[in-house]
N, C-alpha and C. Protein backbone atom coordinates (compact mmCIF):
# COMPACT_ATOMS: atom_id res chain seq x y z
N UNK A 1 0.84 -1.19 0.00
CA UNK A 1 0.00 0.00 0.00
C UNK A 1 0.88 1.25 0.00
N UNK A 2 0.56 2.18 -0.85
CA UNK A 2 1.31 3.43 -0.94
C UNK A 2 0.94 4.36 0.22
N UNK A 3 1.96 4.96 0.80
CA UNK A 3 1.71 5.87 1.91
C UNK A 3 1.11 7.18 1.40
N UNK A 4 0.05 7.65 2.07
CA UNK A 4 -0.60 8.91 1.72
C UNK A 4 0.08 10.06 2.44
N UNK A 5 0.16 11.20 1.75
CA UNK A 5 0.74 12.41 2.33
C UNK A 5 -0.31 13.50 2.35
N UNK A 6 -0.12 14.45 3.23
CA UNK A 6 -1.06 15.55 3.34
C UNK A 6 -0.42 16.75 4.02
N UNK A 7 -1.26 17.71 4.36
CA UNK A 7 -0.83 18.93 5.04
C UNK A 7 -1.56 19.04 6.37
N UNK A 8 -0.83 19.38 7.41
CA UNK A 8 -1.42 19.67 8.71
C UNK A 8 -1.40 21.18 8.86
N UNK A 9 -2.55 21.78 9.03
CA UNK A 9 -2.67 23.23 9.17
C UNK A 9 -2.99 23.53 10.63
N UNK A 10 -2.16 24.32 11.27
CA UNK A 10 -2.42 24.74 12.64
C UNK A 10 -3.13 26.08 12.58
N UNK A 11 -4.46 26.03 12.65
CA UNK A 11 -5.27 27.24 12.51
C UNK A 11 -5.09 28.22 13.67
N UNK A 12 -4.54 27.75 14.76
CA UNK A 12 -4.26 28.63 15.89
C UNK A 12 -3.21 29.67 15.50
N UNK A 13 -2.22 29.25 14.73
CA UNK A 13 -1.11 30.14 14.37
C UNK A 13 -1.29 30.85 13.03
N UNK A 14 -2.18 30.36 12.17
CA UNK A 14 -2.37 30.98 10.86
C UNK A 14 -2.87 32.41 11.04
N UNK A 15 -2.18 33.34 10.37
CA UNK A 15 -2.54 34.77 10.48
C UNK A 15 -3.34 35.27 9.29
N UNK A 16 -3.58 34.42 8.31
CA UNK A 16 -4.34 34.83 7.14
C UNK A 16 -3.56 35.71 6.18
N UNK A 17 -2.25 35.55 6.15
CA UNK A 17 -1.40 36.43 5.33
C UNK A 17 -1.47 36.13 3.84
N UNK A 18 -2.02 34.99 3.45
CA UNK A 18 -2.17 34.58 2.05
C UNK A 18 -0.85 34.18 1.38
N UNK A 19 0.24 34.03 2.14
CA UNK A 19 1.51 33.61 1.54
C UNK A 19 1.38 32.23 0.90
N UNK A 20 0.59 31.35 1.50
CA UNK A 20 0.40 30.02 0.92
C UNK A 20 -0.27 30.12 -0.45
N UNK A 21 -1.27 30.97 -0.56
CA UNK A 21 -1.97 31.17 -1.83
C UNK A 21 -1.01 31.68 -2.90
N UNK A 22 -0.28 32.73 -2.57
CA UNK A 22 0.62 33.38 -3.53
C UNK A 22 1.72 32.43 -3.97
N UNK A 23 2.34 31.73 -3.01
CA UNK A 23 3.44 30.83 -3.36
C UNK A 23 2.94 29.68 -4.24
N UNK A 24 1.75 29.18 -3.96
CA UNK A 24 1.18 28.10 -4.76
C UNK A 24 0.87 28.58 -6.18
N UNK A 25 0.24 29.74 -6.28
CA UNK A 25 -0.09 30.29 -7.61
C UNK A 25 1.18 30.48 -8.44
N UNK A 26 2.23 30.98 -7.80
CA UNK A 26 3.49 31.18 -8.52
C UNK A 26 4.14 29.85 -8.90
N UNK A 27 4.13 28.90 -7.99
CA UNK A 27 4.74 27.59 -8.24
C UNK A 27 4.04 26.86 -9.38
N UNK A 28 2.71 26.90 -9.38
CA UNK A 28 1.92 26.17 -10.37
C UNK A 28 1.58 27.00 -11.61
N UNK A 29 1.85 28.32 -11.57
CA UNK A 29 1.51 29.17 -12.70
C UNK A 29 0.00 29.25 -12.92
N UNK A 30 -0.76 29.28 -11.85
CA UNK A 30 -2.22 29.31 -11.96
C UNK A 30 -2.71 30.70 -12.32
N UNK A 31 -3.73 30.78 -13.18
CA UNK A 31 -4.26 32.08 -13.58
C UNK A 31 -5.14 32.70 -12.49
N UNK A 32 -5.52 33.94 -12.71
CA UNK A 32 -6.40 34.66 -11.78
C UNK A 32 -7.67 33.84 -11.57
N UNK A 33 -8.06 33.73 -10.32
CA UNK A 33 -9.29 33.02 -9.99
C UNK A 33 -9.12 31.53 -9.73
N UNK A 34 -7.92 30.99 -9.94
CA UNK A 34 -7.68 29.59 -9.66
C UNK A 34 -6.63 29.48 -8.56
N UNK A 35 -6.81 28.52 -7.67
CA UNK A 35 -5.95 28.37 -6.51
C UNK A 35 -5.66 26.90 -6.26
N UNK A 36 -4.47 26.61 -5.76
CA UNK A 36 -4.14 25.28 -5.28
C UNK A 36 -4.46 25.19 -3.80
N UNK A 37 -4.28 26.32 -3.12
CA UNK A 37 -4.69 26.46 -1.72
C UNK A 37 -5.35 27.83 -1.61
N UNK A 38 -6.46 27.88 -0.92
CA UNK A 38 -7.24 29.11 -0.84
C UNK A 38 -7.54 29.45 0.61
N UNK A 39 -7.32 30.69 0.98
CA UNK A 39 -7.56 31.16 2.35
C UNK A 39 -9.03 31.53 2.52
N UNK A 40 -9.69 30.87 3.46
CA UNK A 40 -11.06 31.23 3.82
C UNK A 40 -11.01 31.96 5.15
N UNK A 41 -11.87 32.95 5.30
CA UNK A 41 -11.91 33.75 6.53
C UNK A 41 -13.29 33.63 7.15
N UNK A 42 -13.32 33.30 8.43
CA UNK A 42 -14.57 33.25 9.18
C UNK A 42 -14.56 34.37 10.20
N UNK A 43 -15.59 35.15 10.20
CA UNK A 43 -15.67 36.24 11.18
C UNK A 43 -15.31 37.56 10.54
N UNK A 44 -15.19 38.57 11.34
CA UNK A 44 -15.22 38.55 12.81
C UNK A 44 -16.65 38.48 13.33
N UNK A 45 -16.79 37.89 14.53
CA UNK A 45 -18.05 37.87 15.23
C UNK A 45 -17.80 38.14 16.70
N UNK A 46 -18.81 38.73 17.34
CA UNK A 46 -18.67 39.06 18.75
C UNK A 46 -18.96 37.83 19.60
N UNK A 47 -18.10 37.59 20.58
CA UNK A 47 -18.29 36.47 21.50
C UNK A 47 -19.33 36.83 22.54
N UNK A 48 -19.73 35.83 23.33
CA UNK A 48 -20.74 36.08 24.36
C UNK A 48 -20.26 37.12 25.36
N UNK A 49 -18.95 37.15 25.61
CA UNK A 49 -18.40 38.19 26.49
C UNK A 49 -18.34 39.47 25.66
N UNK A 50 -19.21 40.39 25.94
CA UNK A 50 -19.31 41.62 25.13
C UNK A 50 -17.94 42.31 25.05
N UNK A 51 -17.66 42.81 23.87
CA UNK A 51 -16.40 43.52 23.65
C UNK A 51 -15.27 42.61 23.19
N UNK A 52 -15.49 41.28 23.14
CA UNK A 52 -14.47 40.35 22.66
C UNK A 52 -14.90 39.81 21.30
N UNK A 53 -13.96 39.81 20.38
CA UNK A 53 -14.25 39.40 19.01
C UNK A 53 -13.34 38.25 18.62
N UNK A 54 -13.79 37.45 17.65
CA UNK A 54 -12.98 36.35 17.14
C UNK A 54 -13.10 36.29 15.63
N UNK A 55 -12.01 35.92 15.00
CA UNK A 55 -12.02 35.60 13.58
C UNK A 55 -10.97 34.52 13.36
N UNK A 56 -11.20 33.68 12.37
CA UNK A 56 -10.34 32.54 12.14
C UNK A 56 -10.05 32.42 10.65
N UNK A 57 -8.85 31.99 10.33
CA UNK A 57 -8.42 31.76 8.95
C UNK A 57 -8.29 30.27 8.72
N UNK A 58 -8.77 29.81 7.58
CA UNK A 58 -8.70 28.40 7.22
C UNK A 58 -8.16 28.23 5.80
N UNK A 59 -6.88 27.86 5.66
CA UNK A 59 -6.37 27.52 4.33
C UNK A 59 -6.92 26.16 3.92
N UNK A 60 -7.48 26.07 2.74
CA UNK A 60 -8.02 24.81 2.23
C UNK A 60 -7.42 24.51 0.87
N UNK A 61 -7.10 23.24 0.62
CA UNK A 61 -6.55 22.88 -0.67
C UNK A 61 -7.68 22.63 -1.67
N UNK A 62 -7.37 22.82 -2.95
CA UNK A 62 -8.34 22.61 -4.01
C UNK A 62 -7.88 21.43 -4.87
N UNK A 63 -8.63 21.16 -5.92
CA UNK A 63 -8.28 20.06 -6.82
C UNK A 63 -6.98 20.32 -7.59
N UNK A 64 -6.49 21.55 -7.59
CA UNK A 64 -5.23 21.86 -8.26
C UNK A 64 -4.01 21.48 -7.41
N UNK A 65 -4.21 21.17 -6.14
CA UNK A 65 -3.10 20.84 -5.26
C UNK A 65 -2.64 19.40 -5.50
N UNK A 66 -1.35 19.26 -5.80
CA UNK A 66 -0.76 17.93 -5.89
C UNK A 66 0.37 17.79 -4.86
N UNK A 67 0.30 18.64 -3.82
CA UNK A 67 1.31 18.69 -2.75
C UNK A 67 2.70 18.96 -3.33
N UNK A 68 2.74 19.74 -4.42
CA UNK A 68 4.00 20.11 -5.08
C UNK A 68 4.86 18.87 -5.35
N UNK A 69 4.25 17.90 -6.03
CA UNK A 69 4.91 16.62 -6.29
C UNK A 69 6.32 16.78 -6.87
N UNK A 70 6.51 17.71 -7.81
CA UNK A 70 7.83 17.91 -8.42
C UNK A 70 8.85 18.40 -7.39
N UNK A 71 8.44 19.36 -6.56
CA UNK A 71 9.33 19.89 -5.52
C UNK A 71 9.71 18.80 -4.52
N UNK A 72 8.71 18.03 -4.09
CA UNK A 72 8.95 16.98 -3.09
C UNK A 72 9.85 15.88 -3.67
N UNK A 73 9.60 15.51 -4.92
CA UNK A 73 10.42 14.49 -5.58
C UNK A 73 11.87 14.93 -5.67
N UNK A 74 12.10 16.23 -5.79
CA UNK A 74 13.46 16.78 -5.87
C UNK A 74 14.08 16.99 -4.49
N UNK A 75 13.36 16.59 -3.42
CA UNK A 75 13.90 16.71 -2.07
C UNK A 75 13.43 17.93 -1.30
N UNK A 76 12.51 18.70 -1.88
CA UNK A 76 12.02 19.90 -1.21
C UNK A 76 10.72 19.65 -0.47
N UNK A 77 10.09 20.73 -0.09
CA UNK A 77 8.79 20.68 0.58
C UNK A 77 7.80 21.50 -0.25
N UNK A 78 6.50 21.31 -0.05
CA UNK A 78 5.52 22.09 -0.80
C UNK A 78 5.74 23.60 -0.60
N UNK A 79 5.46 24.35 -1.66
CA UNK A 79 5.67 25.81 -1.64
C UNK A 79 4.88 26.49 -0.52
N UNK A 80 3.68 26.00 -0.24
CA UNK A 80 2.87 26.63 0.81
C UNK A 80 3.55 26.52 2.17
N UNK A 81 4.12 25.35 2.47
CA UNK A 81 4.84 25.18 3.74
C UNK A 81 6.10 26.03 3.77
N UNK A 82 6.83 26.03 2.67
CA UNK A 82 8.07 26.79 2.60
C UNK A 82 7.86 28.27 2.87
N UNK A 83 6.77 28.82 2.36
CA UNK A 83 6.55 30.26 2.43
C UNK A 83 5.58 30.70 3.53
N UNK A 84 5.09 29.76 4.34
CA UNK A 84 4.17 30.12 5.43
C UNK A 84 4.92 30.93 6.47
N UNK A 85 4.53 32.19 6.63
CA UNK A 85 5.23 33.09 7.54
C UNK A 85 5.07 32.71 9.00
N UNK A 86 3.99 32.00 9.34
CA UNK A 86 3.74 31.62 10.73
C UNK A 86 4.15 30.17 11.01
N UNK A 87 4.73 29.49 10.02
CA UNK A 87 5.08 28.07 10.15
C UNK A 87 3.88 27.25 10.63
N UNK A 88 2.71 27.55 10.07
CA UNK A 88 1.47 26.89 10.47
C UNK A 88 1.13 25.69 9.58
N UNK A 89 1.94 25.44 8.54
CA UNK A 89 1.67 24.35 7.61
C UNK A 89 2.80 23.32 7.72
N UNK A 90 2.41 22.06 7.81
CA UNK A 90 3.39 20.97 7.88
C UNK A 90 3.00 19.88 6.91
N UNK A 91 3.95 19.43 6.10
CA UNK A 91 3.75 18.36 5.12
C UNK A 91 4.31 17.06 5.68
N UNK A 92 3.64 15.95 5.40
CA UNK A 92 4.17 14.66 5.83
C UNK A 92 3.20 13.54 5.61
N UNK A 93 3.59 12.33 6.06
CA UNK A 93 2.70 11.17 5.96
C UNK A 93 1.45 11.40 6.82
N UNK A 94 0.30 11.01 6.29
CA UNK A 94 -0.97 11.26 6.96
C UNK A 94 -1.01 10.65 8.35
N UNK A 95 -0.49 9.44 8.52
CA UNK A 95 -0.55 8.81 9.84
C UNK A 95 0.26 9.60 10.87
N UNK A 96 1.42 10.13 10.47
CA UNK A 96 2.22 10.94 11.39
C UNK A 96 1.53 12.27 11.69
N UNK A 97 0.94 12.89 10.66
CA UNK A 97 0.24 14.16 10.87
C UNK A 97 -0.98 13.98 11.75
N UNK A 98 -1.69 12.86 11.58
CA UNK A 98 -2.87 12.59 12.40
C UNK A 98 -2.47 12.42 13.87
N UNK A 99 -1.33 11.77 14.12
CA UNK A 99 -0.84 11.61 15.49
C UNK A 99 -0.50 12.97 16.10
N UNK A 100 0.14 13.83 15.33
CA UNK A 100 0.46 15.18 15.82
C UNK A 100 -0.81 15.97 16.10
N UNK A 101 -1.79 15.80 15.22
CA UNK A 101 -3.06 16.51 15.37
C UNK A 101 -3.74 16.10 16.68
N UNK A 102 -3.69 14.82 17.00
CA UNK A 102 -4.33 14.30 18.22
C UNK A 102 -3.65 14.82 19.48
N UNK A 103 -2.35 15.15 19.39
CA UNK A 103 -1.61 15.65 20.55
C UNK A 103 -1.85 17.12 20.84
N UNK A 104 -2.33 17.85 19.86
CA UNK A 104 -2.50 19.30 20.03
C UNK A 104 -3.80 19.63 20.71
N UNK A 105 -3.76 20.71 21.48
CA UNK A 105 -4.96 21.11 22.22
C UNK A 105 -5.62 22.33 21.60
N UNK A 106 -5.36 22.54 20.32
CA UNK A 106 -5.97 23.70 19.66
C UNK A 106 -6.43 23.29 18.27
N UNK A 107 -6.96 24.23 17.53
CA UNK A 107 -7.56 23.96 16.23
C UNK A 107 -6.51 23.56 15.19
N UNK A 108 -6.70 22.38 14.60
CA UNK A 108 -5.86 21.93 13.50
C UNK A 108 -6.74 21.31 12.45
N UNK A 109 -6.24 21.28 11.22
CA UNK A 109 -6.95 20.69 10.10
C UNK A 109 -5.98 19.80 9.35
N UNK A 110 -6.39 18.59 9.01
CA UNK A 110 -5.57 17.69 8.21
C UNK A 110 -6.15 17.67 6.81
N UNK A 111 -5.37 18.09 5.84
CA UNK A 111 -5.83 18.18 4.45
C UNK A 111 -5.13 17.13 3.61
N UNK A 112 -5.90 16.33 2.89
CA UNK A 112 -5.37 15.26 2.05
C UNK A 112 -5.96 15.43 0.66
N UNK A 113 -5.12 15.67 -0.36
CA UNK A 113 -5.68 15.82 -1.71
C UNK A 113 -6.18 14.50 -2.27
C-alpha cells in the first residue's frame, strides 16, 4: 500500500497572510481566480463576552493541489509550507500528521488531496 501524504494546518497560528496562496499560484503558474490552496476567513463575530471578538483563517486545498509533487520528488517541501510566515503548515505522511493533530490542544486541520 502506498503511503498517503497531506498537510497539517495549525489554525491557531495561521494569520491569514495569504503567503500560501501566492506561493502556490506562482509555483503552479495558476491564472487569476484559480488556486491550489485558498484562504477562507470566518468572522469577525462578537463572542458572548461583550467587547471580545474572534475571527479565524482556514487555508483549504483545491483540486489543483498535488502537494508540489515535483518539488517533493526533488527533495524539497511544498511551496505553501516553505513560504508560510507563521510556520502553520506541515507536510508529511498522513498517519504521522494525524498523530500530531491528536496531541495538540488547539484547532488543527488535516488536508489530504
